[in-house]
């Protein structure tokens, strides 16, 4: 090899440009992530019970009923809402709305004559469904009680012994449990219990109360609201349709109750009028006074008769 021939060697700059090193910060981050995954494996908490309830009303409800519906939505983090149902649409259209909203149960409010509030509980799409008359409604804003609990926290549901004594009440109990119980690991719920929802069957009606748990050791409770009672009318085998499984024999429609009140008022008026007529028909005969003869003046006719 001749001495004049010079072999070209790559410069340091070209070598460094070819072999670009990762920044140290990125290497450290990768090491940290690998170490955390190896030491503390993350457990994925699954939301298996995906219960969703559609809570909405028909057009024509009053503000009082709307406030009650909003109070119940606050107590149910798994509830979804929708616009009011038009009057021309039938109740069976609610099943299609639930399917579009991806809900498997619904609570539907409707009002008649701006006076009577009715509530439907239905398991969509196969049923069963139950219809109630809502009475003695008192909302949270109306009561203004001292109790308070966190929004979207999971409730404890309590039922008295009467729900286990009759089969139709056992069915209603299961429907209320599925409706008001917050599913475990729901994304919008909080993982603790700080209030109690009480359902009591008394005098043929279901009474609803909401209490805050103030002291877990002593079990002291403070009422929060709302308050209302449900009078069962009918239970159907399907969702807003089907055969009648149970019909309450003691139920009186509000129209029938109002007519009975009017008839009772008319009977009272008739009885009072008859009493007044009897008093007017009786002739009042004045009693004779013994002292009237002392001051009696003798007339000429009496003198002629005496003579």
Protein backbone atom coordinates (compact mmCIF):
# COMPACT_ATOMS: atom_id res chain seq x y z
CA UNK A 1 0.00 0.00 0.00
CA UNK A 2 1.47 3.30 -0.99
CA UNK A 3 2.30 5.82 1.67
CA UNK A 4 0.49 8.62 -0.14
CA UNK A 5 -2.93 6.91 0.23
CA UNK A 6 -4.93 8.30 3.14
CA UNK A 7 -7.95 6.39 4.52
CA UNK A 8 -10.94 8.63 5.32
CA UNK A 9 -12.37 8.06 8.81
CA UNK A 10 -15.87 9.22 9.88
CA UNK A 11 -15.95 12.31 12.01
CA UNK A 12 -17.25 12.35 15.56
CA UNK A 13 -20.19 14.57 14.56
CA UNK A 14 -21.47 12.10 11.96
CA UNK A 15 -21.25 9.19 14.43
CA UNK A 16 -23.18 11.07 17.08
CA UNK A 17 -25.83 12.04 14.56
CA UNK A 18 -26.35 8.40 13.58
CA UNK A 19 -26.53 7.11 17.16
CA UNK A 20 -28.96 9.47 18.85
CA UNK A 21 -29.38 8.71 22.49
CA UNK A 22 -32.72 8.96 24.33
CA UNK A 23 -32.92 11.79 26.84
CA UNK A 24 -32.24 10.77 30.41
CA UNK A 25 -35.63 12.05 31.60
CA UNK A 26 -37.45 9.65 29.24
CA UNK A 27 -35.31 6.74 30.44
CA UNK A 28 -36.05 7.57 34.06
CA UNK A 29 -39.79 7.81 33.38
CA UNK A 30 -39.81 4.44 31.66
CA UNK A 31 -37.94 2.85 34.54
CA UNK A 32 -40.34 4.37 37.07
CA UNK A 33 -43.41 3.12 35.20
CA UNK A 34 -42.03 -0.39 34.90
CA UNK A 35 -41.13 -0.43 38.58
CA UNK A 36 -44.61 0.74 39.65
CA UNK A 37 -46.35 -1.84 37.47
CA UNK A 38 -44.18 -4.60 38.86
CA UNK A 39 -44.56 -3.57 42.50
CA UNK A 40 -48.24 -2.40 42.61
CA UNK A 41 -50.42 -4.06 39.97
CA UNK A 42 -53.53 -1.91 39.32
CA UNK A 43 -56.84 -3.69 39.94
CA UNK A 44 -59.51 -2.66 37.49
CA UNK A 45 -62.80 -2.14 39.33
CA UNK A 46 -65.57 -3.27 37.04
CA UNK A 47 -69.09 -1.85 36.98
CA UNK A 48 -71.03 -5.04 36.44
CA UNK A 49 -74.55 -4.12 37.59
CA UNK A 50 -75.39 -1.56 34.92
CA UNK A 51 -78.86 -0.61 36.10
CA UNK A 52 -80.19 2.58 34.53
CA UNK A 53 -83.53 4.15 35.38
CA UNK A 54 -85.40 6.62 33.21
CA UNK A 55 -87.24 9.19 35.35
CA UNK A 56 -89.51 11.58 33.50
CA UNK A 57 -93.12 12.77 33.28
CA UNK A 58 -95.97 13.44 30.90
CA UNK A 59 -96.87 16.91 29.76
CA UNK A 60 -99.32 18.68 32.05
CA UNK A 61 -97.86 18.01 35.52
CA UNK A 62 -97.83 20.79 38.10
CA UNK A 63 -94.74 22.41 39.61
CA UNK A 64 -95.28 20.46 42.84
CA UNK A 65 -95.06 17.12 41.03
CA UNK A 66 -92.06 18.32 39.03
CA UNK A 67 -90.18 19.26 42.21
CA UNK A 68 -90.89 15.80 43.64
CA UNK A 69 -89.53 14.19 40.48
CA UNK A 70 -86.36 16.30 40.66
CA UNK A 71 -85.86 15.36 44.33
CA UNK A 72 -86.03 11.67 43.42
CA UNK A 73 -83.51 12.20 40.60
CA UNK A 74 -81.07 13.66 43.11
CA UNK A 75 -81.39 10.52 45.25
CA UNK A 76 -80.74 8.25 42.24
CA UNK A 77 -77.32 8.78 40.58
CA UNK A 78 -78.15 6.02 38.08
CA UNK A 79 -81.22 7.93 36.83
CA UNK A 80 -81.55 9.45 33.40
CA UNK A 81 -83.97 12.17 32.33
CA UNK A 82 -85.86 12.93 29.16
CA UNK A 83 -88.24 15.54 27.81
CA UNK A 84 -91.91 15.37 28.72
CA UNK A 85 -94.05 12.80 26.97
CA UNK A 86 -96.71 14.23 24.71
CA UNK A 87 -100.32 13.46 25.56
CA UNK A 88 -101.11 12.06 22.13
CA UNK A 89 -98.42 9.38 22.53
CA UNK A 90 -99.43 6.18 24.28
CA UNK A 91 -97.76 4.67 27.31
CA UNK A 92 -96.28 1.86 25.23
CA UNK A 93 -94.01 4.44 23.55
CA UNK A 94 -92.11 4.66 26.84
CA UNK A 95 -90.56 1.25 26.10
CA UNK A 96 -89.04 2.61 22.90
CA UNK A 97 -87.72 5.68 24.72
CA UNK A 98 -86.09 3.45 27.35
CA UNK A 99 -84.48 1.37 24.62
CA UNK A 100 -83.02 4.49 22.98
CA UNK A 101 -81.78 5.74 26.36
CA UNK A 102 -80.31 2.31 27.20
CA UNK A 103 -82.43 2.03 30.35
CA UNK A 104 -83.90 -1.19 31.75
CA UNK A 105 -86.45 0.39 34.14
CA UNK A 106 -88.48 3.56 34.33
CA UNK A 107 -90.35 5.80 36.77
CA UNK A 108 -93.06 7.74 34.96
CA UNK A 109 -95.32 10.49 36.39
CA UNK A 110 -98.65 11.55 34.95
CA UNK A 111 -101.32 13.94 36.18
CA UNK A 112 -105.07 14.06 35.69
CA UNK A 113 -107.22 17.21 36.02
CA UNK A 114 -104.23 19.08 37.50
CA UNK A 115 -105.16 17.45 40.82
CA UNK A 116 -104.28 13.73 40.91
CA UNK A 117 -100.69 12.53 40.52
CA UNK A 118 -100.04 8.95 39.38
CA UNK A 119 -96.72 7.11 39.24
CA UNK A 120 -95.70 4.10 37.14
CA UNK A 121 -92.86 1.73 38.02
CA UNK A 122 -91.94 -0.59 35.17
CA UNK A 123 -89.21 -3.07 34.34
CA UNK A 124 -88.49 -2.59 30.64
CA UNK A 125 -89.16 -4.32 28.27
CA UNK A 126 -90.76 -7.48 29.69
CA UNK A 127 -92.39 -6.13 32.86
CA UNK A 128 -93.89 -6.25 35.39
CA UNK A 129 -95.27 -2.75 35.90
CA UNK A 130 -97.27 -1.16 38.71
CA UNK A 131 -99.41 1.95 38.90
CA UNK A 132 -99.74 4.04 42.09
CA UNK A 133 -101.66 7.07 43.26
CA UNK A 134 -99.24 9.53 44.89
CA UNK A 135 -100.60 11.26 47.99
CA UNK A 136 -99.33 13.51 50.80
CA UNK A 137 -96.50 14.97 48.72
CA UNK A 138 -93.95 17.17 50.54
CA UNK A 139 -90.80 18.17 48.68
CA UNK A 140 -87.39 19.08 50.14
CA UNK A 141 -87.85 22.80 49.52
CA UNK A 142 -91.24 22.71 51.17
CA UNK A 143 -90.12 20.83 54.32
CA UNK A 144 -86.76 22.56 54.93
CA UNK A 145 -85.62 19.89 57.38
CA UNK A 146 -82.27 19.99 59.18
CA UNK A 147 -81.00 16.69 57.74
CA UNK A 148 -78.46 16.68 54.92
CA UNK A 149 -76.40 14.06 53.11
CA UNK A 150 -73.98 13.98 50.21
CA UNK A 151 -75.30 13.89 46.70
CA UNK A 152 -75.02 10.56 44.81
CA UNK A 153 -74.07 8.57 47.90
CA UNK A 154 -75.38 5.01 48.13
CA UNK A 155 -78.51 4.54 50.30
CA UNK A 156 -79.55 1.81 52.72
CA UNK A 157 -83.04 0.52 51.86
CA UNK A 158 -85.30 -0.57 54.73
CA UNK A 159 -88.66 -2.35 54.50
CA UNK A 160 -90.99 -3.38 57.31
CA UNK A 161 -92.24 -6.96 57.83
CA UNK A 162 -95.51 -6.37 55.99
CA UNK A 163 -93.72 -6.60 52.62
CA UNK A 164 -92.92 -10.27 53.24
CA UNK A 165 -96.43 -11.30 54.28
CA UNK A 166 -98.25 -10.92 50.93
CA UNK A 167 -96.99 -11.96 47.48
CA UNK A 168 -97.92 -8.74 45.67
CA UNK A 169 -96.06 -6.69 48.30
CA UNK A 170 -92.99 -8.92 47.86
CA UNK A 171 -93.08 -8.11 44.14
CA UNK A 172 -93.39 -4.37 44.88
CA UNK A 173 -90.47 -4.64 47.30
CA UNK A 174 -88.24 -6.15 44.62
CA UNK A 175 -89.25 -3.45 42.13
CA UNK A 176 -88.47 -0.69 44.65
CA UNK A 177 -85.11 -2.29 45.45
CA UNK A 178 -84.08 -2.36 41.80
CA UNK A 179 -85.33 1.18 41.25
CA UNK A 180 -83.81 3.02 44.24
CA UNK A 181 -80.69 0.92 45.02
CA UNK A 182 -77.58 2.49 43.52
CA UNK A 183 -75.52 -0.10 41.55
CA UNK A 184 -72.14 -0.97 43.01
CA UNK A 185 -69.18 0.92 41.47
CA UNK A 186 -71.46 3.24 39.52
CA UNK A 187 -69.35 6.03 37.96
CA UNK A 188 -71.51 8.81 39.43
CA UNK A 189 -71.94 7.28 42.90
CA UNK A 190 -69.85 7.69 46.03
CA UNK A 191 -68.55 4.50 47.72
CA UNK A 192 -70.15 4.93 51.15
CA UNK A 193 -73.51 5.05 52.89
CA UNK A 194 -74.76 8.15 54.71
CA UNK A 195 -78.56 8.01 54.33
CA UNK A 196 -81.46 5.58 54.64
CA UNK A 197 -84.51 5.24 52.38
CA UNK A 198 -87.40 3.82 54.40
CA UNK A 199 -90.45 2.10 52.90
CA UNK A 200 -93.26 1.31 55.35
CA UNK A 201 -96.53 -0.44 54.46
CA UNK A 202 -99.29 0.91 56.70
CA UNK A 203 -103.04 1.51 56.23
CA UNK A 204 -102.90 0.00 52.75
CA UNK A 205 -100.29 2.50 51.54
CA UNK A 206 -96.50 2.60 51.12
CA UNK A 207 -94.93 5.51 53.03
CA UNK A 208 -91.58 6.88 51.81
CA UNK A 209 -89.06 8.64 54.06
CA UNK A 210 -85.41 9.70 53.61
CA UNK A 211 -83.12 9.98 56.67
CA UNK A 212 -79.53 11.06 57.17
CA UNK A 213 -77.27 8.82 59.30
CA UNK A 214 -75.76 11.25 61.81
CA UNK A 215 -74.10 8.73 64.14
CA UNK A 216 -73.34 5.20 62.97
CA UNK A 217 -72.54 3.84 66.43
CA UNK A 218 -75.78 4.99 68.06
CA UNK A 219 -77.87 4.74 64.89
CA UNK A 220 -79.33 8.23 65.19
CA UNK A 221 -81.21 9.55 62.16
CA UNK A 222 -82.36 12.97 60.97
CA UNK A 223 -85.00 13.30 58.27
CA UNK A 224 -84.02 14.95 55.00
CA UNK A 225 -87.02 14.59 52.69
CA UNK A 226 -88.96 14.30 50.46
CA UNK A 227 -92.13 12.68 51.86
CA UNK A 228 -94.92 10.97 49.99
CA UNK A 229 -97.08 7.84 50.09
CA UNK A 230 -98.05 5.42 47.32
CA UNK A 231 -101.47 3.79 47.03
CA UNK A 232 -101.23 0.72 44.83
CA UNK A 233 -103.86 0.48 42.07
CA UNK A 234 -102.87 -2.38 39.75
CA UNK A 235 -99.94 -4.60 38.82
CA UNK A 236 -99.55 -5.67 35.17
CA UNK A 237 -97.59 -8.62 33.81
CA UNK A 238 -95.95 -6.60 31.01
CA UNK A 239 -94.39 -3.17 30.72
CA UNK A 240 -97.35 -0.73 30.60
CA UNK A 241 -99.47 -3.57 29.24
CA UNK A 242 -100.38 -7.22 29.74
CA UNK A 243 -102.68 -9.08 32.09
CA UNK A 244 -103.65 -7.67 35.47
CA UNK A 245 -101.73 -9.64 38.12
CA UNK A 246 -103.19 -7.82 41.11
CA UNK A 247 -105.90 -5.20 41.61
CA UNK A 248 -106.36 -3.40 44.91
CA UNK A 249 -109.94 -4.01 46.13
CA UNK A 250 -109.76 -1.12 48.63
CA UNK A 251 -108.71 1.48 46.08
CA UNK A 252 -111.02 4.41 45.43
CA UNK A 253 -110.37 6.70 42.52
CA UNK A 254 -110.05 10.41 43.33
CA UNK A 255 -113.16 11.13 41.22
CA UNK A 256 -115.20 8.64 43.25
CA UNK A 257 -113.88 10.10 46.49
CA UNK A 258 -114.84 13.63 45.42
CA UNK A 259 -118.35 12.56 44.38
CA UNK A 260 -118.83 10.86 47.76
CA UNK A 261 -117.82 14.09 49.50
CA UNK A 262 -120.31 16.05 47.40
CA UNK A 263 -123.09 13.56 48.15
CA UNK A 264 -122.31 13.71 51.88
CA UNK A 265 -122.38 17.51 51.76
CA UNK A 266 -125.74 17.44 49.94
CA UNK A 267 -127.15 15.04 52.56
CA UNK A 268 -126.11 17.42 55.32
CA UNK A 269 -127.81 20.31 53.51
CA UNK A 270 -131.02 18.31 53.00
CA UNK A 271 -131.10 17.25 56.65
CA UNK A 272 -130.62 20.82 57.79
CA UNK A 273 -133.35 22.09 55.45
CA UNK A 274 -135.82 19.44 56.69
CA UNK A 275 -135.06 20.36 60.29
CA UNK A 276 -135.72 24.03 59.59
CA UNK A 277 -138.99 23.16 57.81
CA UNK A 278 -140.19 21.13 60.80
CA UNK A 279 -139.44 24.01 63.14
CA UNK A 280 -141.44 26.40 60.95
CA UNK A 281 -144.44 24.00 60.74
CA UNK A 282 -144.86 23.72 64.54
CA UNK A 283 -147.37 26.34 65.87
CA UNK A 284 -146.15 28.22 68.87
CA UNK A 285 -149.01 28.40 71.43
CA UNK A 286 -148.36 30.94 74.20
CA UNK A 287 -148.85 29.75 77.77
CA UNK A 288 -151.66 31.29 79.85
CA UNK A 289 -150.57 33.52 82.67
CA UNK A 290 -152.52 33.24 85.97
CA UNK A 291 -152.03 36.93 86.78
CA UNK A 292 -153.87 38.07 83.64
CA UNK A 293 -157.27 37.69 85.45
CA UNK A 294 -156.38 40.29 88.10
CA UNK A 295 -155.99 43.04 85.55
CA UNK A 296 -158.93 41.92 83.43
CA UNK A 297 -161.40 44.71 82.58
CA UNK A 298 -165.08 43.77 82.42
CA UNK A 299 -166.78 44.66 79.18
CA UNK A 300 -170.51 45.46 78.59
CA UNK A 301 -171.08 42.17 76.85
CA UNK A 302 -169.86 40.33 79.91
CA UNK A 303 -172.20 42.40 82.13
CA UNK A 304 -175.20 41.57 79.91
CA UNK A 305 -174.33 37.89 80.00
CA UNK A 306 -173.99 38.00 83.79
CA UNK A 307 -177.36 39.86 84.22
